[in-house]
């Protein structure tokens, strides 16, 4: 069994924020893979279903980002899971928009949601790092992550979420490379060549032999007309 946790803040006010891309990821998985309806539990919302042969519980903590670990810790203890059974989807400032990386364990790099989870269950959970880019200066980070994605971001964001959903069964099996390949296929789909295939060249026609000059005399021509 696996626990997939999407990080974000609850409520319509935050729904489109960059900080809520983790919520968006698990929402897309739930919708595409026929999970049961979301219901309140563990200070959050959960949806249960299967990804391939794996039973998976999706969790969206509703404690606000800085206290996400309270919700994750409750779920972990209830299902008797180890930290290695948990995968957390979160926004990543240090990756370009649309980039996706998978990491097992590690630090929190200043991310308050990860810091809280680490404080409750340790650091040995998996992370799916979803790039949102950096505003350029640390003083603008809070405003940036709590702002909605721009309209110009919608195409790559939709492709990223589709790729995450496509690869979710691989991720549930612990096949991170295959998961990333599924994301990559959505982000950079194979395109048909813009150069048309060369057409076979028709063999040149052999010119008809030039007509032989008419050597008949005028009288012969006239006679031939009445034959």
C-alpha atoms as a PDB file:
ATOM      1  CA  UNK A   1       0.000   0.000   0.000  1.00  0.00           C
ATOM      2  CA  UNK A   2       1.167   3.511  -0.803  1.00  0.00           C
ATOM      3  CA  UNK A   3       0.279   6.932   0.598  1.00  0.00           C
ATOM      4  CA  UNK A   4       0.482   9.754  -1.973  1.00  0.00           C
ATOM      5  CA  UNK A   5       0.386  13.186  -0.319  1.00  0.00           C
ATOM      6  CA  UNK A   6      -0.266  16.377  -2.253  1.00  0.00           C
ATOM      7  CA  UNK A   7       0.793  19.579  -0.500  1.00  0.00           C
ATOM      8  CA  UNK A   8      -1.138  22.836  -0.599  1.00  0.00           C
ATOM      9  CA  UNK A   9      -3.432  25.106   1.361  1.00  0.00           C
ATOM     10  CA  UNK A  10      -7.161  24.442   1.733  1.00  0.00           C
ATOM     11  CA  UNK A  11      -9.917  26.702   0.428  1.00  0.00           C
ATOM     12  CA  UNK A  12     -10.919  28.378  -2.833  1.00  0.00           C
ATOM     13  CA  UNK A  13      -8.658  31.354  -2.099  1.00  0.00           C
ATOM     14  CA  UNK A  14      -5.562  29.193  -2.585  1.00  0.00           C
ATOM     15  CA  UNK A  15      -6.803  26.673  -5.155  1.00  0.00           C
ATOM     16  CA  UNK A  16      -4.914  28.122  -8.132  1.00  0.00           C
ATOM     17  CA  UNK A  17      -1.723  29.056  -6.257  1.00  0.00           C
ATOM     18  CA  UNK A  18       1.682  27.782  -7.313  1.00  0.00           C
ATOM     19  CA  UNK A  19       2.058  26.458  -3.760  1.00  0.00           C
ATOM     20  CA  UNK A  20      -0.935  24.169  -4.429  1.00  0.00           C
ATOM     21  CA  UNK A  21       0.514  22.210  -7.329  1.00  0.00           C
ATOM     22  CA  UNK A  22       0.725  19.164  -5.036  1.00  0.00           C
ATOM     23  CA  UNK A  23      -3.042  19.285  -4.496  1.00  0.00           C
ATOM     24  CA  UNK A  24      -3.501  19.621  -8.261  1.00  0.00           C
ATOM     25  CA  UNK A  25      -1.366  16.529  -8.897  1.00  0.00           C
ATOM     26  CA  UNK A  26      -3.307  14.193  -6.600  1.00  0.00           C
ATOM     27  CA  UNK A  27      -6.630  15.645  -7.783  1.00  0.00           C
ATOM     28  CA  UNK A  28      -5.675  14.713 -11.331  1.00  0.00           C
ATOM     29  CA  UNK A  29      -4.655  11.191 -10.320  1.00  0.00           C
ATOM     30  CA  UNK A  30      -7.959  10.705  -8.465  1.00  0.00           C
ATOM     31  CA  UNK A  31     -10.028  11.922 -11.401  1.00  0.00           C
ATOM     32  CA  UNK A  32      -8.213   9.951 -14.106  1.00  0.00           C
ATOM     33  CA  UNK A  33      -7.925   6.648 -12.250  1.00  0.00           C
ATOM     34  CA  UNK A  34     -11.432   6.322 -10.828  1.00  0.00           C
ATOM     35  CA  UNK A  35     -10.654   6.800  -7.144  1.00  0.00           C
ATOM     36  CA  UNK A  36     -13.456   6.901  -4.574  1.00  0.00           C
ATOM     37  CA  UNK A  37     -14.844  10.369  -3.760  1.00  0.00           C
ATOM     38  CA  UNK A  38     -12.789  12.563  -1.459  1.00  0.00           C
ATOM     39  CA  UNK A  39     -13.805  12.409   2.210  1.00  0.00           C
ATOM     40  CA  UNK A  40     -12.625  14.075   5.405  1.00  0.00           C
ATOM     41  CA  UNK A  41     -10.105  12.133   7.509  1.00  0.00           C
ATOM     42  CA  UNK A  42      -6.721  12.674   9.208  1.00  0.00           C
ATOM     43  CA  UNK A  43      -7.190  16.474   9.315  1.00  0.00           C
ATOM     44  CA  UNK A  44      -7.408  16.416   5.559  1.00  0.00           C
ATOM     45  CA  UNK A  45      -9.169  14.896   2.561  1.00  0.00           C
ATOM     46  CA  UNK A  46      -8.477  11.353   1.386  1.00  0.00           C
ATOM     47  CA  UNK A  47      -9.448   9.328  -1.684  1.00  0.00           C
ATOM     48  CA  UNK A  48      -8.799   5.607  -2.000  1.00  0.00           C
ATOM     49  CA  UNK A  49      -8.241   3.541  -5.116  1.00  0.00           C
ATOM     50  CA  UNK A  50      -5.794   1.416  -7.071  1.00  0.00           C
ATOM     51  CA  UNK A  51      -2.949   2.215  -9.401  1.00  0.00           C
ATOM     52  CA  UNK A  52      -2.168  -0.975 -11.269  1.00  0.00           C
ATOM     53  CA  UNK A  53      -1.817  -3.690  -8.644  1.00  0.00           C
ATOM     54  CA  UNK A  54      -1.127  -1.248  -5.813  1.00  0.00           C
ATOM     55  CA  UNK A  55      -3.668   0.052  -3.328  1.00  0.00           C
ATOM     56  CA  UNK A  56      -3.101   3.786  -2.942  1.00  0.00           C
ATOM     57  CA  UNK A  57      -4.504   6.399  -0.571  1.00  0.00           C
ATOM     58  CA  UNK A  58      -4.334  10.001  -1.742  1.00  0.00           C
ATOM     59  CA  UNK A  59      -4.131  12.638   0.997  1.00  0.00           C
ATOM     60  CA  UNK A  60      -4.527  16.422   0.895  1.00  0.00           C
ATOM     61  CA  UNK A  61      -3.731  17.821   4.366  1.00  0.00           C
ATOM     62  CA  UNK A  62      -6.075  20.654   5.400  1.00  0.00           C
ATOM     63  CA  UNK A  63      -3.919  21.880   8.267  1.00  0.00           C
ATOM     64  CA  UNK A  64      -2.353  24.545   6.024  1.00  0.00           C
ATOM     65  CA  UNK A  65       1.069  23.979   4.572  1.00  0.00           C
ATOM     66  CA  UNK A  66       3.162  24.669   7.677  1.00  0.00           C
ATOM     67  CA  UNK A  67       1.402  21.925   9.679  1.00  0.00           C
ATOM     68  CA  UNK A  68       1.122  19.271   6.949  1.00  0.00           C
ATOM     69  CA  UNK A  69       3.029  16.764   9.049  1.00  0.00           C
ATOM     70  CA  UNK A  70       0.188  16.468  11.567  1.00  0.00           C
ATOM     71  CA  UNK A  71      -2.127  15.061   8.885  1.00  0.00           C
ATOM     72  CA  UNK A  72       0.515  12.860   7.266  1.00  0.00           C
ATOM     73  CA  UNK A  73       1.588  11.453  10.643  1.00  0.00           C
ATOM     74  CA  UNK A  74      -1.991  10.492  11.522  1.00  0.00           C
ATOM     75  CA  UNK A  75      -2.490   8.694   8.208  1.00  0.00           C
ATOM     76  CA  UNK A  76       0.850   6.896   8.483  1.00  0.00           C
ATOM     77  CA  UNK A  77       0.043   5.538  11.935  1.00  0.00           C
ATOM     78  CA  UNK A  78      -3.514   4.548  11.020  1.00  0.00           C
ATOM     79  CA  UNK A  79      -2.441   2.500   7.992  1.00  0.00           C
ATOM     80  CA  UNK A  80       0.677   1.185   9.777  1.00  0.00           C
ATOM     81  CA  UNK A  81       2.964   2.375   6.996  1.00  0.00           C
ATOM     82  CA  UNK A  82       6.662   3.153   7.005  1.00  0.00           C
ATOM     83  CA  UNK A  83       7.999   6.541   5.843  1.00  0.00           C
ATOM     84  CA  UNK A  84       9.314   4.820   2.707  1.00  0.00           C
ATOM     85  CA  UNK A  85       5.698   4.057   1.721  1.00  0.00           C
ATOM     86  CA  UNK A  86       4.913   7.775   1.490  1.00  0.00           C
ATOM     87  CA  UNK A  87       5.365   9.935  -1.599  1.00  0.00           C
ATOM     88  CA  UNK A  88       4.883  13.710  -1.303  1.00  0.00           C
ATOM     89  CA  UNK A  89       4.082  15.923  -4.305  1.00  0.00           C
ATOM     90  CA  UNK A  90       5.233  19.494  -3.750  1.00  0.00           C
ATOM     91  CA  UNK A  91       6.199  22.736  -5.476  1.00  0.00           C
ATOM     92  CA  UNK A  92       9.908  23.288  -6.085  1.00  0.00           C
ATOM     93  CA  UNK A  93      11.387  26.764  -6.507  1.00  0.00           C
ATOM     94  CA  UNK A  94      14.765  25.435  -7.574  1.00  0.00           C
ATOM     95  CA  UNK A  95      13.420  23.721 -10.697  1.00  0.00           C
ATOM     96  CA  UNK A  96      12.339  25.495 -13.867  1.00  0.00           C
ATOM     97  CA  UNK A  97       8.575  25.582 -14.502  1.00  0.00           C
ATOM     98  CA  UNK A  98       7.336  22.209 -15.713  1.00  0.00           C
ATOM     99  CA  UNK A  99      10.386  20.213 -14.632  1.00  0.00           C
ATOM    100  CA  UNK A 100       9.786  17.127 -12.515  1.00  0.00           C
ATOM    101  CA  UNK A 101      12.213  15.157 -10.366  1.00  0.00           C
ATOM    102  CA  UNK A 102      11.850  12.201  -7.986  1.00  0.00           C
ATOM    103  CA  UNK A 103      13.918  11.989  -4.820  1.00  0.00           C
ATOM    104  CA  UNK A 104      14.034   9.522  -1.933  1.00  0.00           C
ATOM    105  CA  UNK A 105      14.785  11.110   1.421  1.00  0.00           C
ATOM    106  CA  UNK A 106      16.855  14.238   1.908  1.00  0.00           C
ATOM    107  CA  UNK A 107      16.349  17.635   3.478  1.00  0.00           C
ATOM    108  CA  UNK A 108      13.482  20.105   3.226  1.00  0.00           C
ATOM    109  CA  UNK A 109      15.411  22.984   1.542  1.00  0.00           C
ATOM    110  CA  UNK A 110      13.312  25.529   3.420  1.00  0.00           C
ATOM    111  CA  UNK A 111       9.966  24.151   2.218  1.00  0.00           C
ATOM    112  CA  UNK A 112       7.642  24.475   5.209  1.00  0.00           C
ATOM    113  CA  UNK A 113       5.412  21.576   4.226  1.00  0.00           C
ATOM    114  CA  UNK A 114       8.371  19.206   3.925  1.00  0.00           C
ATOM    115  CA  UNK A 115       9.850  20.556   7.153  1.00  0.00           C
ATOM    116  CA  UNK A 116       6.624  19.757   9.002  1.00  0.00           C
ATOM    117  CA  UNK A 117       6.341  16.252   7.530  1.00  0.00           C
ATOM    118  CA  UNK A 118       9.959  15.547   8.341  1.00  0.00           C
ATOM    119  CA  UNK A 119       9.338  16.604  11.932  1.00  0.00           C
ATOM    120  CA  UNK A 120       6.513  14.069  12.259  1.00  0.00           C
ATOM    121  CA  UNK A 121       7.660  11.009  10.291  1.00  0.00           C
ATOM    122  CA  UNK A 122      11.370  11.523   9.566  1.00  0.00           C
ATOM    123  CA  UNK A 123      13.056  12.241   6.253  1.00  0.00           C
ATOM    124  CA  UNK A 124      12.910   8.870   4.485  1.00  0.00           C
ATOM    125  CA  UNK A 125       9.793   9.564   2.425  1.00  0.00           C
ATOM    126  CA  UNK A 126       9.869  10.022  -1.355  1.00  0.00           C
ATOM    127  CA  UNK A 127       9.332  13.414  -2.947  1.00  0.00           C
ATOM    128  CA  UNK A 128       8.049  14.356  -6.384  1.00  0.00           C
ATOM    129  CA  UNK A 129       9.500  17.826  -6.934  1.00  0.00           C
ATOM    130  CA  UNK A 130       7.374  19.905  -9.300  1.00  0.00           C
ATOM    131  CA  UNK A 131       9.168  22.924 -10.733  1.00  0.00           C
ATOM    132  CA  UNK A 132       7.462  26.299 -10.517  1.00  0.00           C
ATOM    133  CA  UNK A 133      10.535  28.486 -11.085  1.00  0.00           C
ATOM    134  CA  UNK A 134      11.912  31.195  -8.814  1.00  0.00           C
ATOM    135  CA  UNK A 135      10.816  34.855  -8.696  1.00  0.00           C
ATOM    136  CA  UNK A 136      14.449  35.947  -8.691  1.00  0.00           C
ATOM    137  CA  UNK A 137      14.798  37.254  -5.143  1.00  0.00           C
ATOM    138  CA  UNK A 138      14.077  35.593  -1.815  1.00  0.00           C
ATOM    139  CA  UNK A 139      12.027  38.588  -0.635  1.00  0.00           C
ATOM    140  CA  UNK A 140       9.473  37.849  -3.366  1.00  0.00           C
ATOM    141  CA  UNK A 141       9.148  34.112  -2.707  1.00  0.00           C
ATOM    142  CA  UNK A 142       6.147  34.251  -0.326  1.00  0.00           C
ATOM    143  CA  UNK A 143       4.102  36.415  -2.686  1.00  0.00           C
ATOM    144  CA  UNK A 144       5.145  34.319  -5.677  1.00  0.00           C
ATOM    145  CA  UNK A 145       4.164  30.909  -4.286  1.00  0.00           C
ATOM    146  CA  UNK A 146       0.867  32.260  -2.919  1.00  0.00           C
ATOM    147  CA  UNK A 147      -0.070  33.729  -6.302  1.00  0.00           C
ATOM    148  CA  UNK A 148      -1.990  31.868  -8.997  1.00  0.00           C
ATOM    149  CA  UNK A 149      -0.273  30.388 -12.019  1.00  0.00           C
ATOM    150  CA  UNK A 150      -0.267  32.834 -14.914  1.00  0.00           C
ATOM    151  CA  UNK A 151      -2.396  32.187 -18.003  1.00  0.00           C
ATOM    152  CA  UNK A 152       0.816  31.583 -19.936  1.00  0.00           C
ATOM    153  CA  UNK A 153       1.573  28.662 -17.576  1.00  0.00           C
ATOM    154  CA  UNK A 154      -1.642  26.771 -18.214  1.00  0.00           C
ATOM    155  CA  UNK A 155      -0.473  24.703 -21.195  1.00  0.00           C
ATOM    156  CA  UNK A 156       2.672  23.322 -19.580  1.00  0.00           C
ATOM    157  CA  UNK A 157       0.853  22.883 -16.254  1.00  0.00           C
ATOM    158  CA  UNK A 158      -1.852  20.780 -17.892  1.00  0.00           C
ATOM    159  CA  UNK A 159       0.747  18.682 -19.712  1.00  0.00           C
ATOM    160  CA  UNK A 160       2.667  18.167 -16.469  1.00  0.00           C
ATOM    161  CA  UNK A 161      -0.423  17.044 -14.551  1.00  0.00           C
ATOM    162  CA  UNK A 162      -1.429  14.694 -17.371  1.00  0.00           C
ATOM    163  CA  UNK A 163       2.064  13.195 -17.347  1.00  0.00           C
ATOM    164  CA  UNK A 164       1.958  12.710 -13.573  1.00  0.00           C
ATOM    165  CA  UNK A 165      -1.358  10.893 -13.933  1.00  0.00           C
ATOM    166  CA  UNK A 166      -0.060   8.764 -16.819  1.00  0.00           C
ATOM    167  CA  UNK A 167       2.956   7.677 -14.785  1.00  0.00           C
ATOM    168  CA  UNK A 168       1.232   7.280 -11.416  1.00  0.00           C
ATOM    169  CA  UNK A 169       0.964   3.455 -11.651  1.00  0.00           C
ATOM    170  CA  UNK A 170       4.724   3.274 -12.278  1.00  0.00           C
ATOM    171  CA  UNK A 171       5.381   5.551  -9.322  1.00  0.00           C
ATOM    172  CA  UNK A 172       3.188   3.364  -7.095  1.00  0.00           C
ATOM    173  CA  UNK A 173       5.330   0.357  -8.090  1.00  0.00           C
ATOM    174  CA  UNK A 174       8.471   2.253  -7.152  1.00  0.00           C
ATOM    175  CA  UNK A 175       9.574   2.674 -10.775  1.00  0.00           C
ATOM    176  CA  UNK A 176      10.623   6.300 -10.673  1.00  0.00           C
ATOM    177  CA  UNK A 177      12.430   6.279 -14.033  1.00  0.00           C
ATOM    178  CA  UNK A 178       9.355   4.993 -15.855  1.00  0.00           C
ATOM    179  CA  UNK A 179       7.239   7.607 -14.091  1.00  0.00           C
ATOM    180  CA  UNK A 180       9.572  10.369 -15.272  1.00  0.00           C
ATOM    181  CA  UNK A 181       9.461   8.985 -18.819  1.00  0.00           C
ATOM    182  CA  UNK A 182       5.671   9.257 -18.780  1.00  0.00           C
ATOM    183  CA  UNK A 183       5.925  12.884 -17.677  1.00  0.00           C
ATOM    184  CA  UNK A 184       8.539  13.601 -20.345  1.00  0.00           C
ATOM    185  CA  UNK A 185       6.309  12.187 -23.083  1.00  0.00           C
ATOM    186  CA  UNK A 186       3.597  14.687 -22.164  1.00  0.00           C
ATOM    187  CA  UNK A 187       5.987  17.600 -21.825  1.00  0.00           C
ATOM    188  CA  UNK A 188       7.818  16.941 -25.106  1.00  0.00           C
ATOM    189  CA  UNK A 189       5.655  14.660 -27.280  1.00  0.00           C
ATOM    190  CA  UNK A 190       7.157  13.152 -30.404  1.00  0.00           C
ATOM    191  CA  UNK A 191       6.430  15.360 -33.356  1.00  0.00           C
ATOM    192  CA  UNK A 192       6.130  14.405 -36.999  1.00  0.00           C
ATOM    193  CA  UNK A 193       8.957  15.629 -39.190  1.00  0.00           C
ATOM    194  CA  UNK A 194       8.319  18.989 -40.834  1.00  0.00           C
ATOM    195  CA  UNK A 195      10.164  17.785 -43.947  1.00  0.00           C
ATOM    196  CA  UNK A 196       7.996  15.710 -46.313  1.00  0.00           C
ATOM    197  CA  UNK A 197       9.376  12.334 -47.273  1.00  0.00           C
ATOM    198  CA  UNK A 198      11.077  12.432 -50.666  1.00  0.00           C
ATOM    199  CA  UNK A 199       8.855  11.189 -53.441  1.00  0.00           C
ATOM    200  CA  UNK A 200      10.228   8.746 -56.008  1.00  0.00           C
ATOM    201  CA  UNK A 201      11.370  10.536 -59.111  1.00  0.00           C
ATOM    202  CA  UNK A 202       9.637   9.435 -62.263  1.00  0.00           C
ATOM    203  CA  UNK A 203      11.947   8.185 -64.964  1.00  0.00           C
ATOM    204  CA  UNK A 204      12.250  10.735 -67.760  1.00  0.00           C
ATOM    205  CA  UNK A 205      10.194   9.891 -70.772  1.00  0.00           C
ATOM    206  CA  UNK A 206      12.105   8.961 -73.878  1.00  0.00           C
ATOM    207  CA  UNK A 207      11.335  11.553 -76.492  1.00  0.00           C
ATOM    208  CA  UNK A 208       9.607  10.229 -79.556  1.00  0.00           C
ATOM    209  CA  UNK A 209      11.887  10.021 -82.533  1.00  0.00           C
ATOM    210  CA  UNK A 210      11.757  13.062 -84.703  1.00  0.00           C
ATOM    211  CA  UNK A 211       9.527  12.665 -87.725  1.00  0.00           C
ATOM    212  CA  UNK A 212      11.418  11.883 -90.900  1.00  0.00           C
ATOM    213  CA  UNK A 213      11.283  14.559 -93.521  1.00  0.00           C
ATOM    214  CA  UNK A 214       8.635  14.010 -96.300  1.00  0.00           C
ATOM    215  CA  UNK A 215      10.574  13.517 -99.566  1.00  0.00           C
ATOM    216  CA  UNK A 216       7.542  13.139-101.868  1.00  0.00           C
ATOM    217  CA  UNK A 217       7.176  15.531-104.747  1.00  0.00           C
ATOM    218  CA  UNK A 218       4.151  17.804-104.967  1.00  0.00           C
ATOM    219  CA  UNK A 219       2.682  15.639-107.728  1.00  0.00           C
ATOM    220  CA  UNK A 220       3.073  12.467-105.650  1.00  0.00           C
ATOM    221  CA  UNK A 221       1.393  14.126-102.673  1.00  0.00           C
ATOM    222  CA  UNK A 222      -1.567  15.158-104.826  1.00  0.00           C
ATOM    223  CA  UNK A 223      -1.842  11.671-106.302  1.00  0.00           C
ATOM    224  CA  UNK A 224      -1.720  10.047-102.881  1.00  0.00           C
ATOM    225  CA  UNK A 225      -4.724  12.151-101.702  1.00  0.00           C
ATOM    226  CA  UNK A 226      -6.989  10.448-104.304  1.00  0.00           C
ATOM    227  CA  UNK A 227      -5.867   6.900-103.693  1.00  0.00           C
END
